[in-house]
Every structure is written in structure tokens, then in C-alpha cells.
């Protein structure tokens, strides 16, 4: 069974022998910023898999494929909770106007819908019961705790994700777990041997401005706390259905940054004095509170307040290290 693509000698050996997929127009499972995702099959096990096909074709003289970088990150991260299984990276070589170029593919496990797609579906339906929520409290707590664990694992293995947003958080096929995907812009934030943070340097913002951290808006080198800050925005988005700056165009990065830097905990979480009281009872000293930027504080506040309605507050130790 041959894939519905023209394959070169390299791809024929690596991809055609074990995997097949249909990349005809309109057959995509999803689209990302640099790649499209298609449904495929493992010939040997008949397992359904997903294949990411990089949309941008790169030349031998360029810096290389983002999918190759992503595959390298997956290889270093290894297996772990919240990280999808990746099977292979393949490339097809061809010539274009006399120049050698490549088409690149990443083979991975088939996953379920993203939180973004799930939210879009729920926005078209009445909110849950009379609670006014788009996701139930139990769902938000479960998602938050799973993603905190996933980010801790990633950070412990010396990487930061840099693009935590609903489109990059997906359910597995059972809909019981969430996983963090798309490591195309992930990078190391510390020396793997000494664990010393890499030197500060100016950096361009990557990822979605809606969910990016303030440090990313300001062009600073980002670290673990910035992933946590983005996660804070995601959790509030899941409950409220939007963020206070979501009406602004994604191109209005400066206006979004101003809104993020001036908003209060109450403004971000939609009120909730109970949440503020719970947070201050858990970490009463200003010195401890100041270890986290406001949006990450809001994430903790929100998790603690949700947990407090169903039992004891969550005992989460996720204070990230500052720069």
C-alpha cells in the first residue's frame, strides 16, 4: 500500500516501507503554523498514527527543518506523562531549479482534539448547568494538574516549551489524559551538566501573543516561569471562555502586554475573593508571593480555589526558578 505522495529514494525506504498516509487536499486532521497533520497507518501493526508534513520546503543551505528540531527535542525528552509518543522522522530529497531541497515528515501517535477545538465546540452550546462555566471545575483541576506535571518533567529535562496554548494541548484518544504537543520552538534554558541558566539575551517573541508571558512580550530570554505563566492564562481561558485581552488583535502585541501587566488577580480570574484568601493563607509572606509573576499566581489561586470547593486545597509545589 503506497502513500498518496510522490516519494524519493530516502523517503521510500523510511516512510513507504512502514507507514502510509493520504495527504490529498482536504484530508488534514489539523493545521499548525509550519506543518499539516494527516492520518496514517502502520503496515505491520495496523495501528492508526499521525504524520506531520512540514509545509515549508527547505534547502540544504538553510538552517534546517523545524520538524527535525522537534524530533530531536522529543528524543531528548524521552517517554513521560504528558508527552506524546513519536516514532520516526523522515525526509524526502528532491531538486528544485537545480537546488537540493527536502520535504520533512514526523510520525507520531494519533491523538484526540485540542483544547482549542473542544472550546470552539462548547462555545456553541449552553454553558454547563447553571455554573456559567465552559469546562467543569473537575475538568479544569484535572487538566491543570496534568499539565503542571508535564511541564515539571520537561523543565527537569532542561527544556522549556515556549508555546503553551490551547492549540498545543490535546486529549489522547481515550479522552482521559491531556498531552502537550508541538515542540518546534522548544529550547534548552540551562546547561544539562551544571544546571546553570544560559546567559540572558534579547529574543523575539514566539507562540501566541494571547497566551505568551510578559517576558516574551518584552523580548527577554524566557525560562520555566514563563511556561507556567502561559499555563495560567490557559486555565483561566478554559473556565471563562476568553481572556480579558482576547478581543484585541493578535497583532496588537503591545496593547496585550499592557493589559497583562496591569490586570489584577480578580480581573483575570473574574473576581473571587475566596481565591485570593486561599492563596494568601497557603503562602502568606510577600517574599514567597513575589517569586511568581501575577498570571502564574492567578493560576495557582484558581487551582486552589477550585480544589477548595471539593475538598482540601491542592498541595502543589510548582514555584519555578526566576531568571
C-alpha atoms as a PDB file:
ATOM      1  CA  UNK A   1       0.000   0.000   0.000  1.00  0.00           C
ATOM      2  CA  UNK A   2       1.639   3.230  -1.137  1.00  0.00           C
ATOM      3  CA  UNK A   3       1.150   6.669   0.363  1.00  0.00           C
ATOM      4  CA  UNK A   4      -0.618   9.247  -1.770  1.00  0.00           C
ATOM      5  CA  UNK A   5       2.543  11.231  -2.376  1.00  0.00           C
ATOM      6  CA  UNK A   6       5.478  11.137  -4.748  1.00  0.00           C
ATOM      7  CA  UNK A   7       8.342   9.696  -2.748  1.00  0.00           C
ATOM      8  CA  UNK A   8      12.065   9.991  -3.332  1.00  0.00           C
ATOM      9  CA  UNK A   9      14.655   7.304  -2.567  1.00  0.00           C
ATOM     10  CA  UNK A  10      15.232   8.328   1.062  1.00  0.00           C
ATOM     11  CA  UNK A  11      11.562   8.617   1.955  1.00  0.00           C
ATOM     12  CA  UNK A  12      10.711   5.416   0.093  1.00  0.00           C
ATOM     13  CA  UNK A  13      12.994   3.416   2.370  1.00  0.00           C
ATOM     14  CA  UNK A  14      11.990   5.064   5.631  1.00  0.00           C
ATOM     15  CA  UNK A  15       8.325   6.023   5.209  1.00  0.00           C
ATOM     16  CA  UNK A  16       6.842   3.921   2.454  1.00  0.00           C
ATOM     17  CA  UNK A  17       8.014   0.611   3.941  1.00  0.00           C
ATOM     18  CA  UNK A  18       6.249   1.021   7.284  1.00  0.00           C
ATOM     19  CA  UNK A  19       3.829   3.949   7.204  1.00  0.00           C
ATOM     20  CA  UNK A  20       1.203   5.129   4.743  1.00  0.00           C
ATOM     21  CA  UNK A  21      -0.991   8.209   4.691  1.00  0.00           C
ATOM     22  CA  UNK A  22      -3.167  10.280   2.402  1.00  0.00           C
ATOM     23  CA  UNK A  23      -2.136  13.916   2.030  1.00  0.00           C
ATOM     24  CA  UNK A  24      -4.737  14.852  -0.566  1.00  0.00           C
ATOM     25  CA  UNK A  25      -6.232  18.360  -0.196  1.00  0.00           C
ATOM     26  CA  UNK A  26      -8.885  18.451   2.494  1.00  0.00           C
ATOM     27  CA  UNK A  27      -7.654  15.274   4.207  1.00  0.00           C
ATOM     28  CA  UNK A  28      -5.793  17.055   7.002  1.00  0.00           C
ATOM     29  CA  UNK A  29      -6.522  16.194  10.615  1.00  0.00           C
ATOM     30  CA  UNK A  30      -5.199  19.592  11.592  1.00  0.00           C
ATOM     31  CA  UNK A  31      -3.029  22.511  10.559  1.00  0.00           C
ATOM     32  CA  UNK A  32      -0.230  24.130  12.516  1.00  0.00           C
ATOM     33  CA  UNK A  33       1.967  27.139  11.888  1.00  0.00           C
ATOM     34  CA  UNK A  34       4.564  25.122   9.947  1.00  0.00           C
ATOM     35  CA  UNK A  35       3.033  21.691   9.313  1.00  0.00           C
ATOM     36  CA  UNK A  36      -0.159  19.855   8.410  1.00  0.00           C
ATOM     37  CA  UNK A  37      -1.206  16.637  10.168  1.00  0.00           C
ATOM     38  CA  UNK A  38      -2.597  13.601   8.345  1.00  0.00           C
ATOM     39  CA  UNK A  39      -3.966  10.249   9.453  1.00  0.00           C
ATOM     40  CA  UNK A  40      -1.752   7.280   8.648  1.00  0.00           C
ATOM     41  CA  UNK A  41      -1.349   3.557   9.265  1.00  0.00           C
ATOM     42  CA  UNK A  42       1.476   1.326  10.493  1.00  0.00           C
ATOM     43  CA  UNK A  43       1.590  -1.523   7.968  1.00  0.00           C
ATOM     44  CA  UNK A  44       2.996  -4.018  10.459  1.00  0.00           C
ATOM     45  CA  UNK A  45       0.615  -3.431  13.385  1.00  0.00           C
ATOM     46  CA  UNK A  46      -2.320  -1.746  11.582  1.00  0.00           C
ATOM     47  CA  UNK A  47      -2.118   0.930  14.262  1.00  0.00           C
ATOM     48  CA  UNK A  48      -3.500   4.318  13.323  1.00  0.00           C
ATOM     49  CA  UNK A  49      -0.849   7.017  13.546  1.00  0.00           C
ATOM     50  CA  UNK A  50      -0.486  10.702  12.684  1.00  0.00           C
ATOM     51  CA  UNK A  51       2.071  12.137  10.285  1.00  0.00           C
ATOM     52  CA  UNK A  52       3.099  15.791  10.358  1.00  0.00           C
ATOM     53  CA  UNK A  53       4.176  17.094   6.971  1.00  0.00           C
ATOM     54  CA  UNK A  54       6.158  20.311   7.074  1.00  0.00           C
ATOM     55  CA  UNK A  55       4.565  22.874   4.800  1.00  0.00           C
ATOM     56  CA  UNK A  56       7.766  24.831   4.199  1.00  0.00           C
ATOM     57  CA  UNK A  57      10.251  23.042   1.994  1.00  0.00           C
ATOM     58  CA  UNK A  58      13.813  23.816   2.995  1.00  0.00           C
ATOM     59  CA  UNK A  59      17.053  23.765   1.075  1.00  0.00           C
ATOM     60  CA  UNK A  60      20.333  22.122   2.002  1.00  0.00           C
ATOM     61  CA  UNK A  61      21.844  25.548   2.613  1.00  0.00           C
ATOM     62  CA  UNK A  62      19.201  26.644   5.145  1.00  0.00           C
ATOM     63  CA  UNK A  63      19.243  26.202   8.918  1.00  0.00           C
ATOM     64  CA  UNK A  64      17.119  23.081   8.561  1.00  0.00           C
ATOM     65  CA  UNK A  65      13.740  21.653   9.291  1.00  0.00           C
ATOM     66  CA  UNK A  66      11.680  22.656  12.314  1.00  0.00           C
ATOM     67  CA  UNK A  67      10.341  19.100  12.367  1.00  0.00           C
ATOM     68  CA  UNK A  68      13.886  17.784  12.640  1.00  0.00           C
ATOM     69  CA  UNK A  69      14.438  20.105  15.599  1.00  0.00           C
ATOM     70  CA  UNK A  70      11.149  18.963  17.144  1.00  0.00           C
ATOM     71  CA  UNK A  71      12.108  15.307  16.689  1.00  0.00           C
ATOM     72  CA  UNK A  72      15.429  15.998  18.422  1.00  0.00           C
ATOM     73  CA  UNK A  73      13.591  17.549  21.381  1.00  0.00           C
ATOM     74  CA  UNK A  74      11.297  14.515  21.628  1.00  0.00           C
ATOM     75  CA  UNK A  75      14.338  12.241  21.571  1.00  0.00           C
ATOM     76  CA  UNK A  76      15.959  14.090  24.461  1.00  0.00           C
ATOM     77  CA  UNK A  77      12.749  14.302  26.471  1.00  0.00           C
ATOM     78  CA  UNK A  78      12.048  10.587  26.097  1.00  0.00           C
ATOM     79  CA  UNK A  79       8.877   8.962  27.376  1.00  0.00           C
ATOM     80  CA  UNK A  80       6.873  10.585  30.133  1.00  0.00           C
ATOM     81  CA  UNK A  81       3.425  11.617  31.285  1.00  0.00           C
ATOM     82  CA  UNK A  82       2.006  14.383  29.140  1.00  0.00           C
ATOM     83  CA  UNK A  83       4.459  13.825  26.259  1.00  0.00           C
ATOM     84  CA  UNK A  84       3.189  12.094  23.085  1.00  0.00           C
ATOM     85  CA  UNK A  85       4.955   9.106  21.574  1.00  0.00           C
ATOM     86  CA  UNK A  86       6.962   9.907  18.445  1.00  0.00           C
ATOM     87  CA  UNK A  87       8.076   7.047  16.186  1.00  0.00           C
ATOM     88  CA  UNK A  88      10.182   8.464  13.396  1.00  0.00           C
ATOM     89  CA  UNK A  89      11.442  11.442  11.438  1.00  0.00           C
ATOM     90  CA  UNK A  90      11.762  11.144   7.661  1.00  0.00           C
ATOM     91  CA  UNK A  91      12.781  13.434   4.846  1.00  0.00           C
ATOM     92  CA  UNK A  92      12.372  13.267   1.094  1.00  0.00           C
ATOM     93  CA  UNK A  93      15.104  14.709  -1.066  1.00  0.00           C
ATOM     94  CA  UNK A  94      14.376  16.284  -4.437  1.00  0.00           C
ATOM     95  CA  UNK A  95      15.768  19.003  -6.697  1.00  0.00           C
ATOM     96  CA  UNK A  96      14.081  22.314  -7.480  1.00  0.00           C
ATOM     97  CA  UNK A  97      15.645  24.527 -10.185  1.00  0.00           C
ATOM     98  CA  UNK A  98      18.929  22.797  -9.654  1.00  0.00           C
ATOM     99  CA  UNK A  99      18.871  23.206  -5.865  1.00  0.00           C
ATOM    100  CA  UNK A 100      18.626  20.250  -3.479  1.00  0.00           C
ATOM    101  CA  UNK A 101      15.606  20.526  -1.217  1.00  0.00           C
ATOM    102  CA  UNK A 102      13.748  18.383   1.305  1.00  0.00           C
ATOM    103  CA  UNK A 103      10.212  17.597   2.392  1.00  0.00           C
ATOM    104  CA  UNK A 104      10.089  16.564   6.044  1.00  0.00           C
ATOM    105  CA  UNK A 105       7.741  14.291   7.990  1.00  0.00           C
ATOM    106  CA  UNK A 106       7.280  13.433  11.669  1.00  0.00           C
ATOM    107  CA  UNK A 107       5.486  10.180  12.567  1.00  0.00           C
ATOM    108  CA  UNK A 108       3.729  10.068  15.938  1.00  0.00           C
ATOM    109  CA  UNK A 109       0.814   8.515  17.802  1.00  0.00           C
ATOM    110  CA  UNK A 110      -2.682   9.548  16.802  1.00  0.00           C
ATOM    111  CA  UNK A 111      -4.194  11.957  19.306  1.00  0.00           C
ATOM    112  CA  UNK A 112      -7.595  13.416  20.078  1.00  0.00           C
ATOM    113  CA  UNK A 113      -8.845  17.003  19.685  1.00  0.00           C
ATOM    114  CA  UNK A 114      -7.061  20.005  21.143  1.00  0.00           C
ATOM    115  CA  UNK A 115      -8.439  22.105  23.972  1.00  0.00           C
ATOM    116  CA  UNK A 116      -8.920  24.863  21.408  1.00  0.00           C
ATOM    117  CA  UNK A 117     -11.177  22.693  19.228  1.00  0.00           C
ATOM    118  CA  UNK A 118     -13.024  21.446  22.288  1.00  0.00           C
ATOM    119  CA  UNK A 119     -13.606  25.026  23.421  1.00  0.00           C
ATOM    120  CA  UNK A 120     -14.864  26.056  19.986  1.00  0.00           C
ATOM    121  CA  UNK A 121     -17.343  23.205  20.140  1.00  0.00           C
ATOM    122  CA  UNK A 122     -18.524  24.160  23.614  1.00  0.00           C
ATOM    123  CA  UNK A 123     -18.844  27.846  22.771  1.00  0.00           C
ATOM    124  CA  UNK A 124     -21.708  26.859  20.505  1.00  0.00           C
ATOM    125  CA  UNK A 125     -23.566  25.135  23.335  1.00  0.00           C
ATOM    126  CA  UNK A 126     -25.142  26.389  26.590  1.00  0.00           C
ATOM    127  CA  UNK A 127     -22.712  26.642  29.487  1.00  0.00           C
ATOM    128  CA  UNK A 128     -22.603  23.755  31.928  1.00  0.00           C
ATOM    129  CA  UNK A 129     -25.776  23.741  34.035  1.00  0.00           C
ATOM    130  CA  UNK A 130     -26.112  26.979  35.995  1.00  0.00           C
ATOM    131  CA  UNK A 131     -22.423  27.293  36.879  1.00  0.00           C
ATOM    132  CA  UNK A 132     -21.614  29.630  33.990  1.00  0.00           C
ATOM    133  CA  UNK A 133     -18.542  27.536  33.153  1.00  0.00           C
ATOM    134  CA  UNK A 134     -17.325  26.278  29.791  1.00  0.00           C
ATOM    135  CA  UNK A 135     -15.304  23.483  31.422  1.00  0.00           C
ATOM    136  CA  UNK A 136     -16.371  21.913  34.704  1.00  0.00           C
ATOM    137  CA  UNK A 137     -14.326  22.593  37.819  1.00  0.00           C
ATOM    138  CA  UNK A 138     -13.257  18.966  37.917  1.00  0.00           C
ATOM    139  CA  UNK A 139     -12.041  19.160  34.309  1.00  0.00           C
ATOM    140  CA  UNK A 140     -10.029  22.334  34.889  1.00  0.00           C
ATOM    141  CA  UNK A 141      -8.372  20.944  38.030  1.00  0.00           C
ATOM    142  CA  UNK A 142      -7.534  17.674  36.275  1.00  0.00           C
ATOM    143  CA  UNK A 143      -6.156  19.430  33.186  1.00  0.00           C
ATOM    144  CA  UNK A 144      -4.165  21.874  35.308  1.00  0.00           C
ATOM    145  CA  UNK A 145      -2.571  19.182  37.437  1.00  0.00           C
ATOM    146  CA  UNK A 146      -1.684  17.032  34.410  1.00  0.00           C
ATOM    147  CA  UNK A 147      -0.081  19.961  32.607  1.00  0.00           C
ATOM    148  CA  UNK A 148       1.826  21.060  35.688  1.00  0.00           C
ATOM    149  CA  UNK A 149       3.280  17.552  35.919  1.00  0.00           C
ATOM    150  CA  UNK A 150       4.122  17.563  32.198  1.00  0.00           C
ATOM    151  CA  UNK A 151       5.857  20.940  32.425  1.00  0.00           C
ATOM    152  CA  UNK A 152       7.789  19.852  35.501  1.00  0.00           C
ATOM    153  CA  UNK A 153       9.057  16.843  33.567  1.00  0.00           C
ATOM    154  CA  UNK A 154      10.034  18.978  30.571  1.00  0.00           C
ATOM    155  CA  UNK A 155      11.787  21.520  32.790  1.00  0.00           C
ATOM    156  CA  UNK A 156      13.601  18.824  34.748  1.00  0.00           C
ATOM    157  CA  UNK A 157      14.968  17.594  31.414  1.00  0.00           C
ATOM    158  CA  UNK A 158      16.391  21.070  30.705  1.00  0.00           C
ATOM    159  CA  UNK A 159      13.824  22.304  28.159  1.00  0.00           C
ATOM    160  CA  UNK A 160      11.157  24.976  28.082  1.00  0.00           C
ATOM    161  CA  UNK A 161       8.200  24.656  25.728  1.00  0.00           C
ATOM    162  CA  UNK A 162       7.745  28.385  24.887  1.00  0.00           C
ATOM    163  CA  UNK A 163       4.333  27.959  23.232  1.00  0.00           C
ATOM    164  CA  UNK A 164       1.859  26.688  25.835  1.00  0.00           C
ATOM    165  CA  UNK A 165      -1.582  27.434  24.406  1.00  0.00           C
ATOM    166  CA  UNK A 166      -4.885  25.545  23.893  1.00  0.00           C
ATOM    167  CA  UNK A 167      -3.990  24.537  20.324  1.00  0.00           C
ATOM    168  CA  UNK A 168      -0.914  22.715  21.635  1.00  0.00           C
ATOM    169  CA  UNK A 169      -2.730  20.803  24.374  1.00  0.00           C
ATOM    170  CA  UNK A 170      -4.592  17.737  23.147  1.00  0.00           C
ATOM    171  CA  UNK A 171      -6.527  14.821  24.561  1.00  0.00           C
ATOM    172  CA  UNK A 172      -5.346  11.292  23.972  1.00  0.00           C
ATOM    173  CA  UNK A 173      -7.691   9.004  22.047  1.00  0.00           C
ATOM    174  CA  UNK A 174      -9.371   7.837  25.248  1.00  0.00           C
ATOM    175  CA  UNK A 175     -10.162  11.460  26.236  1.00  0.00           C
ATOM    176  CA  UNK A 176      -8.810  10.640  29.707  1.00  0.00           C
ATOM    177  CA  UNK A 177      -5.435  12.400  29.534  1.00  0.00           C
ATOM    178  CA  UNK A 178      -4.105  15.617  28.069  1.00  0.00           C
ATOM    179  CA  UNK A 179      -0.733  15.921  26.394  1.00  0.00           C
ATOM    180  CA  UNK A 180       1.463  18.857  25.454  1.00  0.00           C
ATOM    181  CA  UNK A 181       2.474  18.811  21.785  1.00  0.00           C
ATOM    182  CA  UNK A 182       4.374  20.898  19.212  1.00  0.00           C
ATOM    183  CA  UNK A 183       7.963  21.374  20.367  1.00  0.00           C
ATOM    184  CA  UNK A 184       9.087  23.203  17.224  1.00  0.00           C
ATOM    185  CA  UNK A 185      10.164  26.280  19.227  1.00  0.00           C
ATOM    186  CA  UNK A 186      11.192  24.470  22.435  1.00  0.00           C
ATOM    187  CA  UNK A 187      14.734  25.101  23.579  1.00  0.00           C
ATOM    188  CA  UNK A 188      17.111  24.433  26.426  1.00  0.00           C
ATOM    189  CA  UNK A 189      17.114  27.005  29.205  1.00  0.00           C
ATOM    190  CA  UNK A 190      20.017  25.640  31.252  1.00  0.00           C
ATOM    191  CA  UNK A 191      23.234  23.686  30.934  1.00  0.00           C
ATOM    192  CA  UNK A 192      22.360  19.978  31.250  1.00  0.00           C
ATOM    193  CA  UNK A 193      25.544  19.261  33.221  1.00  0.00           C
ATOM    194  CA  UNK A 194      25.832  22.207  35.604  1.00  0.00           C
ATOM    195  CA  UNK A 195      22.126  23.182  35.572  1.00  0.00           C
ATOM    196  CA  UNK A 196      23.252  26.790  35.332  1.00  0.00           C
ATOM    197  CA  UNK A 197      20.858  29.024  33.421  1.00  0.00           C
ATOM    198  CA  UNK A 198      22.009  30.083  29.972  1.00  0.00           C
ATOM    199  CA  UNK A 199      23.052  33.764  29.679  1.00  0.00           C
ATOM    200  CA  UNK A 200      20.340  36.369  29.178  1.00  0.00           C
ATOM    201  CA  UNK A 201      19.909  37.624  25.642  1.00  0.00           C
ATOM    202  CA  UNK A 202      17.330  39.524  23.674  1.00  0.00           C
ATOM    203  CA  UNK A 203      14.857  37.203  21.974  1.00  0.00           C
ATOM    204  CA  UNK A 204      11.936  37.623  19.616  1.00  0.00           C
ATOM    205  CA  UNK A 205       8.508  36.577  20.814  1.00  0.00           C
ATOM    206  CA  UNK A 206       7.359  33.147  19.720  1.00  0.00           C
ATOM    207  CA  UNK A 207       3.981  31.473  20.033  1.00  0.00           C
ATOM    208  CA  UNK A 208       0.590  33.068  20.511  1.00  0.00           C
ATOM    209  CA  UNK A 209       0.575  36.674  21.852  1.00  0.00           C
ATOM    210  CA  UNK A 210      -2.716  35.873  23.633  1.00  0.00           C
ATOM    211  CA  UNK A 211      -1.036  33.251  25.858  1.00  0.00           C
ATOM    212  CA  UNK A 212       2.596  34.434  25.823  1.00  0.00           C
ATOM    213  CA  UNK A 213       4.302  35.564  29.031  1.00  0.00           C
ATOM    214  CA  UNK A 214       5.213  39.163  29.752  1.00  0.00           C
ATOM    215  CA  UNK A 215       8.904  38.313  29.456  1.00  0.00           C
ATOM    216  CA  UNK A 216       8.256  37.027  25.960  1.00  0.00           C
ATOM    217  CA  UNK A 217       6.397  40.252  25.054  1.00  0.00           C
ATOM    218  CA  UNK A 218       9.354  42.267  26.322  1.00  0.00           C
ATOM    219  CA  UNK A 219      11.894  40.336  24.277  1.00  0.00           C
ATOM    220  CA  UNK A 220      13.577  38.727  27.295  1.00  0.00           C
ATOM    221  CA  UNK A 221      15.028  35.253  27.420  1.00  0.00           C
ATOM    222  CA  UNK A 222      12.301  33.019  28.849  1.00  0.00           C
ATOM    223  CA  UNK A 223      12.527  30.207  31.390  1.00  0.00           C
ATOM    224  CA  UNK A 224      10.281  27.827  33.361  1.00  0.00           C
ATOM    225  CA  UNK A 225       8.205  30.562  34.929  1.00  0.00           C
ATOM    226  CA  UNK A 226       7.113  31.736  31.504  1.00  0.00           C
ATOM    227  CA  UNK A 227       5.689  28.321  30.612  1.00  0.00           C
ATOM    228  CA  UNK A 228       3.810  28.398  33.917  1.00  0.00           C
ATOM    229  CA  UNK A 229       2.530  31.889  33.211  1.00  0.00           C
ATOM    230  CA  UNK A 230       1.155  30.760  29.849  1.00  0.00           C
ATOM    231  CA  UNK A 231      -0.476  27.795  31.556  1.00  0.00           C
ATOM    232  CA  UNK A 232      -2.161  30.218  33.939  1.00  0.00           C
ATOM    233  CA  UNK A 233      -3.749  32.013  31.004  1.00  0.00           C
ATOM    234  CA  UNK A 234      -4.881  28.689  29.513  1.00  0.00           C
ATOM    235  CA  UNK A 235      -6.670  27.595  32.693  1.00  0.00           C
ATOM    236  CA  UNK A 236      -8.482  30.894  33.072  1.00  0.00           C
ATOM    237  CA  UNK A 237      -9.463  30.693  29.391  1.00  0.00           C
ATOM    238  CA  UNK A 238     -10.947  27.235  29.924  1.00  0.00           C
ATOM    239  CA  UNK A 239     -13.208  28.496  32.689  1.00  0.00           C
ATOM    240  CA  UNK A 240     -14.179  31.890  31.319  1.00  0.00           C
ATOM    241  CA  UNK A 241     -14.200  31.077  27.607  1.00  0.00           C
ATOM    242  CA  UNK A 242     -11.984  34.079  26.889  1.00  0.00           C
ATOM    243  CA  UNK A 243      -9.223  36.220  28.342  1.00  0.00           C
ATOM    244  CA  UNK A 244      -9.647  39.941  29.115  1.00  0.00           C
ATOM    245  CA  UNK A 245      -7.441  40.912  26.144  1.00  0.00           C
ATOM    246  CA  UNK A 246      -8.754  38.341  23.673  1.00  0.00           C
ATOM    247  CA  UNK A 247     -10.840  40.922  21.844  1.00  0.00           C
ATOM    248  CA  UNK A 248      -7.613  42.604  20.743  1.00  0.00           C
ATOM    249  CA  UNK A 249      -5.967  41.564  17.511  1.00  0.00           C
ATOM    250  CA  UNK A 250      -3.041  39.172  17.919  1.00  0.00           C
ATOM    251  CA  UNK A 251      -1.032  41.776  16.005  1.00  0.00           C
ATOM    252  CA  UNK A 252      -1.612  44.311  18.806  1.00  0.00           C
ATOM    253  CA  UNK A 253       1.152  42.765  20.899  1.00  0.00           C
ATOM    254  CA  UNK A 254       1.970  45.972  22.765  1.00  0.00           C
ATOM    255  CA  UNK A 255      -1.642  46.548  23.841  1.00  0.00           C
ATOM    256  CA  UNK A 256      -1.913  42.939  25.003  1.00  0.00           C
ATOM    257  CA  UNK A 257       1.305  43.327  27.007  1.00  0.00           C
ATOM    258  CA  UNK A 258      -0.009  46.488  28.714  1.00  0.00           C
ATOM    259  CA  UNK A 259      -3.238  44.714  29.643  1.00  0.00           C
ATOM    260  CA  UNK A 260      -1.344  41.746  31.069  1.00  0.00           C
ATOM    261  CA  UNK A 261       0.981  43.952  33.120  1.00  0.00           C
ATOM    262  CA  UNK A 262      -1.810  45.980  34.722  1.00  0.00           C
ATOM    263  CA  UNK A 263      -4.581  43.459  35.343  1.00  0.00           C
ATOM    264  CA  UNK A 264      -5.388  42.314  38.879  1.00  0.00           C
ATOM    265  CA  UNK A 265      -5.916  38.760  40.084  1.00  0.00           C
ATOM    266  CA  UNK A 266      -9.630  39.498  40.412  1.00  0.00           C
ATOM    267  CA  UNK A 267      -9.745  40.956  36.911  1.00  0.00           C
ATOM    268  CA  UNK A 268      -8.015  37.970  35.370  1.00  0.00           C
ATOM    269  CA  UNK A 269      -9.952  35.281  37.233  1.00  0.00           C
ATOM    270  CA  UNK A 270     -13.249  37.116  37.126  1.00  0.00           C
ATOM    271  CA  UNK A 271     -13.426  38.111  40.766  1.00  0.00           C
ATOM    272  CA  UNK A 272     -13.356  35.521  43.518  1.00  0.00           C
ATOM    273  CA  UNK A 273     -12.191  36.938  46.825  1.00  0.00           C
ATOM    274  CA  UNK A 274     -12.254  33.370  48.122  1.00  0.00           C
ATOM    275  CA  UNK A 275      -9.427  32.558  45.718  1.00  0.00           C
ATOM    276  CA  UNK A 276      -7.279  35.424  46.958  1.00  0.00           C
ATOM    277  CA  UNK A 277      -7.874  34.451  50.599  1.00  0.00           C
ATOM    278  CA  UNK A 278      -6.978  30.833  49.895  1.00  0.00           C
ATOM    279  CA  UNK A 279      -3.778  31.845  48.144  1.00  0.00           C
ATOM    280  CA  UNK A 280      -2.664  34.173  50.908  1.00  0.00           C
ATOM    281  CA  UNK A 281      -3.438  31.517  53.513  1.00  0.00           C
ATOM    282  CA  UNK A 282      -1.298  28.980  51.614  1.00  0.00           C
ATOM    283  CA  UNK A 283       1.672  31.325  51.013  1.00  0.00           C
ATOM    284  CA  UNK A 284       1.238  34.229  53.461  1.00  0.00           C
ATOM    285  CA  UNK A 285       4.560  36.035  53.082  1.00  0.00           C
ATOM    286  CA  UNK A 286       5.074  38.646  50.348  1.00  0.00           C
ATOM    287  CA  UNK A 287       8.583  37.296  49.739  1.00  0.00           C
ATOM    288  CA  UNK A 288       7.141  33.961  48.624  1.00  0.00           C
ATOM    289  CA  UNK A 289       4.309  35.533  46.668  1.00  0.00           C
ATOM    290  CA  UNK A 290       6.748  37.694  44.732  1.00  0.00           C
ATOM    291  CA  UNK A 291       8.535  34.622  43.366  1.00  0.00           C
ATOM    292  CA  UNK A 292       5.833  34.295  40.735  1.00  0.00           C
ATOM    293  CA  UNK A 293       4.535  36.786  38.169  1.00  0.00           C
ATOM    294  CA  UNK A 294       0.882  37.757  38.572  1.00  0.00           C
ATOM    295  CA  UNK A 295      -0.612  35.456  35.924  1.00  0.00           C
ATOM    296  CA  UNK A 296       1.174  32.411  37.377  1.00  0.00           C
ATOM    297  CA  UNK A 297      -0.076  33.447  40.815  1.00  0.00           C
ATOM    298  CA  UNK A 298      -3.554  33.579  39.324  1.00  0.00           C
ATOM    299  CA  UNK A 299      -3.138  30.053  38.019  1.00  0.00           C
ATOM    300  CA  UNK A 300      -2.278  28.793  41.494  1.00  0.00           C
ATOM    301  CA  UNK A 301      -5.043  30.841  43.057  1.00  0.00           C
ATOM    302  CA  UNK A 302      -7.512  29.407  40.613  1.00  0.00           C
ATOM    303  CA  UNK A 303      -6.442  25.812  41.140  1.00  0.00           C
ATOM    304  CA  UNK A 304      -6.501  26.216  44.910  1.00  0.00           C
ATOM    305  CA  UNK A 305      -9.923  27.832  44.899  1.00  0.00           C
ATOM    306  CA  UNK A 306     -11.373  25.132  42.643  1.00  0.00           C
ATOM    307  CA  UNK A 307      -9.851  22.399  44.747  1.00  0.00           C
ATOM    308  CA  UNK A 308     -11.120  24.102  47.892  1.00  0.00           C
ATOM    309  CA  UNK A 309     -14.713  23.716  46.725  1.00  0.00           C
ATOM    310  CA  UNK A 310     -14.349  19.951  46.508  1.00  0.00           C
ATOM    311  CA  UNK A 311     -12.042  19.176  49.406  1.00  0.00           C
ATOM    312  CA  UNK A 312      -8.630  20.229  50.625  1.00  0.00           C
ATOM    313  CA  UNK A 313      -6.681  22.815  48.615  1.00  0.00           C
ATOM    314  CA  UNK A 314      -4.208  21.283  46.173  1.00  0.00           C
ATOM    315  CA  UNK A 315      -0.731  20.905  47.665  1.00  0.00           C
ATOM    316  CA  UNK A 316       1.189  21.957  44.580  1.00  0.00           C
ATOM    317  CA  UNK A 317       4.869  22.800  44.746  1.00  0.00           C
ATOM    318  CA  UNK A 318       5.428  24.367  41.332  1.00  0.00           C
ATOM    319  CA  UNK A 319       7.250  27.586  42.135  1.00  0.00           C
ATOM    320  CA  UNK A 320       9.568  27.980  39.150  1.00  0.00           C
ATOM    321  CA  UNK A 321      13.051  29.410  39.456  1.00  0.00           C
ATOM    322  CA  UNK A 322      13.478  33.018  38.393  1.00  0.00           C
ATOM    323  CA  UNK A 323      15.957  34.086  35.718  1.00  0.00           C
END
